[in-house]
PDB file of all heavy atoms in Angstrom:
ATOM      1  N   THR A   1      91.476 125.572  81.978  1.00  0.00           N
ATOM      2  CA  THR A   1      91.426 124.705  80.795  1.00  0.00           C
ATOM      3  C   THR A   1      90.179 124.931  79.949  1.00  0.00           C
ATOM      4  O   THR A   1      90.034 124.330  78.889  1.00  0.00           O
ATOM      5  CB  THR A   1      91.427 123.226  81.228  1.00  0.00           C
ATOM      6  OG1 THR A   1      90.268 122.984  82.039  1.00  0.00           O
ATOM      7  CG2 THR A   1      92.689 122.891  81.996  1.00  0.00           C
ATOM      8  N   ALA A   2      89.295 125.816  80.397  1.00  0.00           N
ATOM      9  CA  ALA A   2      88.012 125.977  79.701  1.00  0.00           C
ATOM     10  C   ALA A   2      88.184 126.417  78.251  1.00  0.00           C
ATOM     11  O   ALA A   2      87.523 125.904  77.349  1.00  0.00           O
ATOM     12  CB  ALA A   2      87.135 126.991  80.443  1.00  0.00           C
ATOM     13  N   ASN A   3      89.083 127.374  78.005  1.00  0.00           N
ATOM     14  CA  ASN A   3      89.255 127.858  76.628  1.00  0.00           C
ATOM     15  C   ASN A   3      89.776 126.761  75.703  1.00  0.00           C
ATOM     16  O   ASN A   3      89.358 126.643  74.554  1.00  0.00           O
ATOM     17  CB  ASN A   3      90.204 129.055  76.604  1.00  0.00           C
ATOM     18  CG  ASN A   3      89.550 130.302  77.168  1.00  0.00           C
ATOM     19  OD1 ASN A   3      88.332 130.421  77.167  1.00  0.00           O
ATOM     20  ND2 ASN A   3      90.364 131.223  77.660  1.00  0.00           N
ATOM     21  N   ALA A   4      90.696 125.967  76.220  1.00  0.00           N
ATOM     22  CA  ALA A   4      91.236 124.879  75.400  1.00  0.00           C
ATOM     23  C   ALA A   4      90.140 123.871  75.060  1.00  0.00           C
ATOM     24  O   ALA A   4      90.054 123.376  73.935  1.00  0.00           O
ATOM     25  CB  ALA A   4      92.371 124.186  76.144  1.00  0.00           C
ATOM     26  N   GLU A   5      89.283 123.578  76.042  1.00  0.00           N
ATOM     27  CA  GLU A   5      88.180 122.643  75.807  1.00  0.00           C
ATOM     28  C   GLU A   5      87.227 123.208  74.748  1.00  0.00           C
ATOM     29  O   GLU A   5      86.734 122.483  73.882  1.00  0.00           O
ATOM     30  CB  GLU A   5      87.410 122.398  77.117  1.00  0.00           C
ATOM     31  CG  GLU A   5      88.227 121.741  78.222  1.00  0.00           C
ATOM     32  CD  GLU A   5      88.418 120.258  77.974  1.00  0.00           C
ATOM     33  OE1 GLU A   5      88.100 119.777  76.858  1.00  0.00           O
ATOM     34  OE2 GLU A   5      88.892 119.566  78.882  1.00  0.00           O
ATOM     35  N   LEU A   6      86.970 124.522  74.810  1.00  0.00           N
ATOM     36  CA  LEU A   6      86.051 125.147  73.873  1.00  0.00           C
ATOM     37  C   LEU A   6      86.599 125.088  72.448  1.00  0.00           C
ATOM     38  O   LEU A   6      85.874 124.782  71.499  1.00  0.00           O
ATOM     39  CB  LEU A   6      85.805 126.598  74.285  1.00  0.00           C
ATOM     40  CG  LEU A   6      84.757 127.373  73.482  1.00  0.00           C
ATOM     41  CD1 LEU A   6      83.406 126.673  73.546  1.00  0.00           C
ATOM     42  CD2 LEU A   6      84.655 128.793  74.017  1.00  0.00           C
ATOM     43  N   GLU A   7      87.889 125.378  72.281  1.00  0.00           N
ATOM     44  CA  GLU A   7      88.502 125.313  70.960  1.00  0.00           C
ATOM     45  C   GLU A   7      88.426 123.892  70.400  1.00  0.00           C
ATOM     46  O   GLU A   7      88.165 123.687  69.214  1.00  0.00           O
ATOM     47  CB  GLU A   7      89.962 125.772  71.042  1.00  0.00           C
ATOM     48  CG  GLU A   7      90.104 127.267  71.332  1.00  0.00           C
ATOM     49  CD  GLU A   7      91.550 127.662  71.545  1.00  0.00           C
ATOM     50  OE1 GLU A   7      92.435 126.798  71.351  1.00  0.00           O
ATOM     51  OE2 GLU A   7      91.802 128.821  71.913  1.00  0.00           O
ATOM     52  N   TYR A   8      88.634 122.914  71.273  1.00  0.00           N
ATOM     53  CA  TYR A   8      88.588 121.520  70.837  1.00  0.00           C
ATOM     54  C   TYR A   8      87.177 121.145  70.381  1.00  0.00           C
ATOM     55  O   TYR A   8      86.977 120.492  69.348  1.00  0.00           O
ATOM     56  CB  TYR A   8      89.030 120.615  71.981  1.00  0.00           C
ATOM     57  CG  TYR A   8      89.297 119.189  71.545  1.00  0.00           C
ATOM     58  CD1 TYR A   8      90.557 118.798  71.082  1.00  0.00           C
ATOM     59  CD2 TYR A   8      88.282 118.242  71.581  1.00  0.00           C
ATOM     60  CE1 TYR A   8      90.786 117.497  70.683  1.00  0.00           C
ATOM     61  CE2 TYR A   8      88.511 116.930  71.177  1.00  0.00           C
ATOM     62  CZ  TYR A   8      89.772 116.565  70.730  1.00  0.00           C
ATOM     63  OH  TYR A   8      90.004 115.283  70.330  1.00  0.00           O
ATOM     64  N   ALA A   9      86.175 121.626  71.146  1.00  0.00           N
ATOM     65  CA  ALA A   9      84.784 121.323  70.807  1.00  0.00           C
ATOM     66  C   ALA A   9      84.405 121.930  69.464  1.00  0.00           C
ATOM     67  O   ALA A   9      83.700 121.318  68.663  1.00  0.00           O
ATOM     68  CB  ALA A   9      83.851 121.848  71.903  1.00  0.00           C
ATOM     69  N   GLN A  10      84.872 123.143  69.197  1.00  0.00           N
ATOM     70  CA  GLN A  10      84.558 123.781  67.927  1.00  0.00           C
ATOM     71  C   GLN A  10      85.165 123.006  66.768  1.00  0.00           C
ATOM     72  O   GLN A  10      84.556 122.866  65.702  1.00  0.00           O
ATOM     73  CB  GLN A  10      85.076 125.226  67.920  1.00  0.00           C
ATOM     74  CG  GLN A  10      84.643 126.015  66.693  1.00  0.00           C
ATOM     75  CD  GLN A  10      83.126 126.126  66.584  1.00  0.00           C
ATOM     76  OE1 GLN A  10      82.472 126.643  67.487  1.00  0.00           O
ATOM     77  NE2 GLN A  10      82.560 125.633  65.489  1.00  0.00           N
ATOM     78  N   ALA A  11      86.360 122.498  66.972  1.00  0.00           N
ATOM     79  CA  ALA A  11      87.002 121.702  65.927  1.00  0.00           C
ATOM     80  C   ALA A  11      86.195 120.444  65.629  1.00  0.00           C
ATOM     81  O   ALA A  11      86.046 120.035  64.478  1.00  0.00           O
ATOM     82  CB  ALA A  11      88.418 121.328  66.353  1.00  0.00           C
ATOM     83  N   VAL A  12      85.636 119.848  66.683  1.00  0.00           N
ATOM     84  CA  VAL A  12      84.810 118.649  66.497  1.00  0.00           C
ATOM     85  C   VAL A  12      83.562 118.977  65.686  1.00  0.00           C
ATOM     86  O   VAL A  12      83.174 118.248  64.772  1.00  0.00           O
ATOM     87  CB  VAL A  12      84.423 118.049  67.867  1.00  0.00           C
ATOM     88  CG1 VAL A  12      83.347 116.980  67.699  1.00  0.00           C
ATOM     89  CG2 VAL A  12      85.645 117.466  68.542  1.00  0.00           C
ATOM     90  N   LEU A  13      82.928 120.109  65.992  1.00  0.00           N
ATOM     91  CA  LEU A  13      81.726 120.498  65.261  1.00  0.00           C
ATOM     92  C   LEU A  13      82.039 120.749  63.792  1.00  0.00           C
ATOM     93  O   LEU A  13      81.267 120.378  62.901  1.00  0.00           O
ATOM     94  CB  LEU A  13      81.124 121.759  65.886  1.00  0.00           C
ATOM     95  CG  LEU A  13      80.508 121.579  67.280  1.00  0.00           C
ATOM     96  CD1 LEU A  13      79.977 122.910  67.784  1.00  0.00           C
ATOM     97  CD2 LEU A  13      79.396 120.555  67.263  1.00  0.00           C
ATOM     98  N   ASP A  14      83.166 121.391  63.536  1.00  0.00           N
ATOM     99  CA  ASP A  14      83.551 121.629  62.148  1.00  0.00           C
ATOM    100  C   ASP A  14      83.757 120.315  61.403  1.00  0.00           C
ATOM    101  O   ASP A  14      83.408 120.184  60.230  1.00  0.00           O
ATOM    102  CB  ASP A  14      84.841 122.458  62.100  1.00  0.00           C
ATOM    103  CG  ASP A  14      84.628 123.867  62.638  1.00  0.00           C
ATOM    104  OD1 ASP A  14      83.459 124.298  62.696  1.00  0.00           O
ATOM    105  OD2 ASP A  14      85.622 124.513  63.018  1.00  0.00           O
ATOM    106  N   MET A  15      84.302 119.338  62.110  1.00  0.00           N
ATOM    107  CA  MET A  15      84.607 118.055  61.489  1.00  0.00           C
ATOM    108  C   MET A  15      83.335 117.241  61.235  1.00  0.00           C
ATOM    109  O   MET A  15      83.183 116.595  60.200  1.00  0.00           O
ATOM    110  CB  MET A  15      85.556 117.264  62.403  1.00  0.00           C
ATOM    111  CG  MET A  15      85.931 115.884  61.879  1.00  0.00           C
ATOM    112  SD  MET A  15      87.071 115.081  63.016  1.00  0.00           S
ATOM    113  CE  MET A  15      86.089 114.969  64.498  1.00  0.00           C
ATOM    114  N   THR A  16      82.365 117.313  62.187  1.00  0.00           N
ATOM    115  CA  THR A  16      81.152 116.499  62.072  1.00  0.00           C
ATOM    116  C   THR A  16      80.049 117.184  61.285  1.00  0.00           C
ATOM    117  O   THR A  16      79.058 116.566  60.908  1.00  0.00           O
ATOM    118  CB  THR A  16      80.603 116.146  63.467  1.00  0.00           C
ATOM    119  OG1 THR A  16      80.324 117.371  64.165  1.00  0.00           O
ATOM    120  CG2 THR A  16      81.602 115.319  64.252  1.00  0.00           C
ATOM    121  N   GLY A  17      80.186 118.514  61.090  1.00  0.00           N
ATOM    122  CA  GLY A  17      79.169 119.239  60.333  1.00  0.00           C
ATOM    123  C   GLY A  17      77.887 119.455  61.096  1.00  0.00           C
ATOM    124  O   GLY A  17      76.826 119.628  60.503  1.00  0.00           O
ATOM    125  N   THR A  18      77.924 119.472  62.430  1.00  0.00           N
ATOM    126  CA  THR A  18      76.705 119.665  63.226  1.00  0.00           C
ATOM    127  C   THR A  18      76.687 121.022  63.911  1.00  0.00           C
ATOM    128  O   THR A  18      75.920 121.252  64.831  1.00  0.00           O
ATOM    129  CB  THR A  18      76.585 118.563  64.304  1.00  0.00           C
ATOM    130  OG1 THR A  18      77.783 118.577  65.096  1.00  0.00           O
ATOM    131  CG2 THR A  18      76.411 117.206  63.673  1.00  0.00           C
ATOM    132  N   GLY A  19      77.536 121.943  63.456  1.00  0.00           N
ATOM    133  CA  GLY A  19      77.633 123.244  64.111  1.00  0.00           C
ATOM    134  C   GLY A  19      76.361 124.058  64.062  1.00  0.00           C
ATOM    135  O   GLY A  19      76.147 124.934  64.891  1.00  0.00           O
ATOM    136  N   ASP A  20      75.480 123.805  63.070  1.00  0.00           N
ATOM    137  CA  ASP A  20      74.241 124.571  63.002  1.00  0.00           C
ATOM    138  C   ASP A  20      73.177 124.012  63.937  1.00  0.00           C
ATOM    139  O   ASP A  20      72.121 124.608  64.106  1.00  0.00           O
ATOM    140  CB  ASP A  20      73.705 124.601  61.566  1.00  0.00           C
ATOM    141  CG  ASP A  20      73.408 123.202  61.045  1.00  0.00           C
ATOM    142  OD1 ASP A  20      74.019 122.245  61.548  1.00  0.00           O
ATOM    143  OD2 ASP A  20      72.566 123.085  60.131  1.00  0.00           O
ATOM    144  N   MET A  21      73.422 122.880  64.545  1.00  0.00           N
ATOM    145  CA  MET A  21      72.436 122.252  65.417  1.00  0.00           C
ATOM    146  C   MET A  21      72.796 122.336  66.895  1.00  0.00           C
ATOM    147  O   MET A  21      71.928 122.272  67.757  1.00  0.00           O
ATOM    148  CB  MET A  21      72.275 120.764  65.047  1.00  0.00           C
ATOM    149  CG  MET A  21      71.817 120.530  63.621  1.00  0.00           C
ATOM    150  SD  MET A  21      70.242 121.317  63.253  1.00  0.00           S
ATOM    151  CE  MET A  21      69.187 120.461  64.404  1.00  0.00           C
ATOM    152  N   VAL A  22      74.070 122.454  67.214  1.00  0.00           N
ATOM    153  CA  VAL A  22      74.500 122.472  68.618  1.00  0.00           C
ATOM    154  C   VAL A  22      75.758 123.323  68.708  1.00  0.00           C
ATOM    155  O   VAL A  22      76.577 123.347  67.795  1.00  0.00           O
ATOM    156  CB  VAL A  22      74.758 121.030  69.129  1.00  0.00           C
ATOM    157  CG1 VAL A  22      75.866 120.364  68.354  1.00  0.00           C
ATOM    158  CG2 VAL A  22      75.091 121.041  70.631  1.00  0.00           C
ATOM    159  N   SER A  23      75.904 124.046  69.821  1.00  0.00           N
ATOM    160  CA  SER A  23      77.022 124.965  69.947  1.00  0.00           C
ATOM    161  C   SER A  23      78.248 124.290  70.550  1.00  0.00           C
ATOM    162  O   SER A  23      78.151 123.286  71.257  1.00  0.00           O
ATOM    163  CB  SER A  23      76.629 126.147  70.837  1.00  0.00           C
ATOM    164  OG  SER A  23      76.518 125.743  72.182  1.00  0.00           O
ATOM    165  N   ALA A  24      79.412 124.888  70.269  1.00  0.00           N
ATOM    166  CA  ALA A  24      80.657 124.386  70.845  1.00  0.00           C
ATOM    167  C   ALA A  24      80.623 124.496  72.364  1.00  0.00           C
ATOM    168  O   ALA A  24      81.162 123.649  73.078  1.00  0.00           O
ATOM    169  CB  ALA A  24      81.841 125.173  70.280  1.00  0.00           C
ATOM    170  N   GLU A  25      79.985 125.572  72.870  1.00  0.00           N
ATOM    171  CA  GLU A  25      79.913 125.749  74.320  1.00  0.00           C
ATOM    172  C   GLU A  25      79.200 124.569  74.979  1.00  0.00           C
ATOM    173  O   GLU A  25      79.601 124.086  76.036  1.00  0.00           O
ATOM    174  CB  GLU A  25      79.179 127.058  74.658  1.00  0.00           C
ATOM    175  CG  GLU A  25      79.987 128.314  74.350  1.00  0.00           C
ATOM    176  CD  GLU A  25      79.900 128.732  72.894  1.00  0.00           C
ATOM    177  OE1 GLU A  25      79.327 127.965  72.085  1.00  0.00           O
ATOM    178  OE2 GLU A  25      80.422 129.813  72.563  1.00  0.00           O
ATOM    179  N   THR A  26      78.115 124.107  74.324  1.00  0.00           N
ATOM    180  CA  THR A  26      77.369 122.978  74.879  1.00  0.00           C
ATOM    181  C   THR A  26      78.236 121.731  74.951  1.00  0.00           C
ATOM    182  O   THR A  26      78.257 121.018  75.957  1.00  0.00           O
ATOM    183  CB  THR A  26      76.121 122.698  74.024  1.00  0.00           C
ATOM    184  OG1 THR A  26      75.295 123.866  74.022  1.00  0.00           O
ATOM    185  CG2 THR A  26      75.342 121.519  74.575  1.00  0.00           C
ATOM    186  N   ILE A  27      78.971 121.459  73.877  1.00  0.00           N
ATOM    187  CA  ILE A  27      79.808 120.269  73.855  1.00  0.00           C
ATOM    188  C   ILE A  27      80.950 120.381  74.856  1.00  0.00           C
ATOM    189  O   ILE A  27      81.274 119.432  75.570  1.00  0.00           O
ATOM    190  CB  ILE A  27      80.371 120.033  72.442  1.00  0.00           C
ATOM    191  CG1 ILE A  27      79.214 119.891  71.448  1.00  0.00           C
ATOM    192  CG2 ILE A  27      81.246 118.790  72.407  1.00  0.00           C
ATOM    193  CD1 ILE A  27      78.229 118.800  71.796  1.00  0.00           C
ATOM    194  N   ALA A  28      81.561 121.564  74.942  1.00  0.00           N
ATOM    195  CA  ALA A  28      82.657 121.758  75.892  1.00  0.00           C
ATOM    196  C   ALA A  28      82.183 121.474  77.310  1.00  0.00           C
ATOM    197  O   ALA A  28      82.870 120.833  78.106  1.00  0.00           O
ATOM    198  CB  ALA A  28      83.199 123.186  75.789  1.00  0.00           C
ATOM    199  N   GLN A  29      80.959 121.946  77.630  1.00  0.00           N
ATOM    200  CA  GLN A  29      80.406 121.687  78.958  1.00  0.00           C
ATOM    201  C   GLN A  29      80.241 120.194  79.190  1.00  0.00           C
ATOM    202  O   GLN A  29      80.476 119.677  80.271  1.00  0.00           O
ATOM    203  CB  GLN A  29      79.047 122.388  79.093  1.00  0.00           C
ATOM    204  CG  GLN A  29      79.137 123.905  79.184  1.00  0.00           C
ATOM    205  CD  GLN A  29      79.551 124.373  80.564  1.00  0.00           C
ATOM    206  OE1 GLN A  29      79.665 123.570  81.482  1.00  0.00           O
ATOM    207  NE2 GLN A  29      79.796 125.659  80.701  1.00  0.00           N
ATOM    208  N   ARG A  30      79.844 119.482  78.136  1.00  0.00           N
ATOM    209  CA  ARG A  30      79.520 118.062  78.307  1.00  0.00           C
ATOM    210  C   ARG A  30      80.738 117.200  78.575  1.00  0.00           C
ATOM    211  O   ARG A  30      80.659 116.231  79.313  1.00  0.00           O
ATOM    212  CB  ARG A  30      78.781 117.548  77.069  1.00  0.00           C
ATOM    213  CG  ARG A  30      77.364 118.084  76.977  1.00  0.00           C
ATOM    214  CD  ARG A  30      76.588 117.333  75.927  1.00  0.00           C
ATOM    215  NE  ARG A  30      75.203 117.768  75.938  1.00  0.00           N
ATOM    216  CZ  ARG A  30      74.234 117.123  75.334  1.00  0.00           C
ATOM    217  NH1 ARG A  30      74.486 116.017  74.691  1.00  0.00           N
ATOM    218  NH2 ARG A  30      73.004 117.577  75.370  1.00  0.00           N
TER     219      ARG A  30
END
């Protein structure tokens, strides 16, 4: 399920506009 979690995290970053401050990988791990 890791890839699905990563894609979801990236979508969240795009929506919140915080992609330049924290990576999708970090959020997926969390």
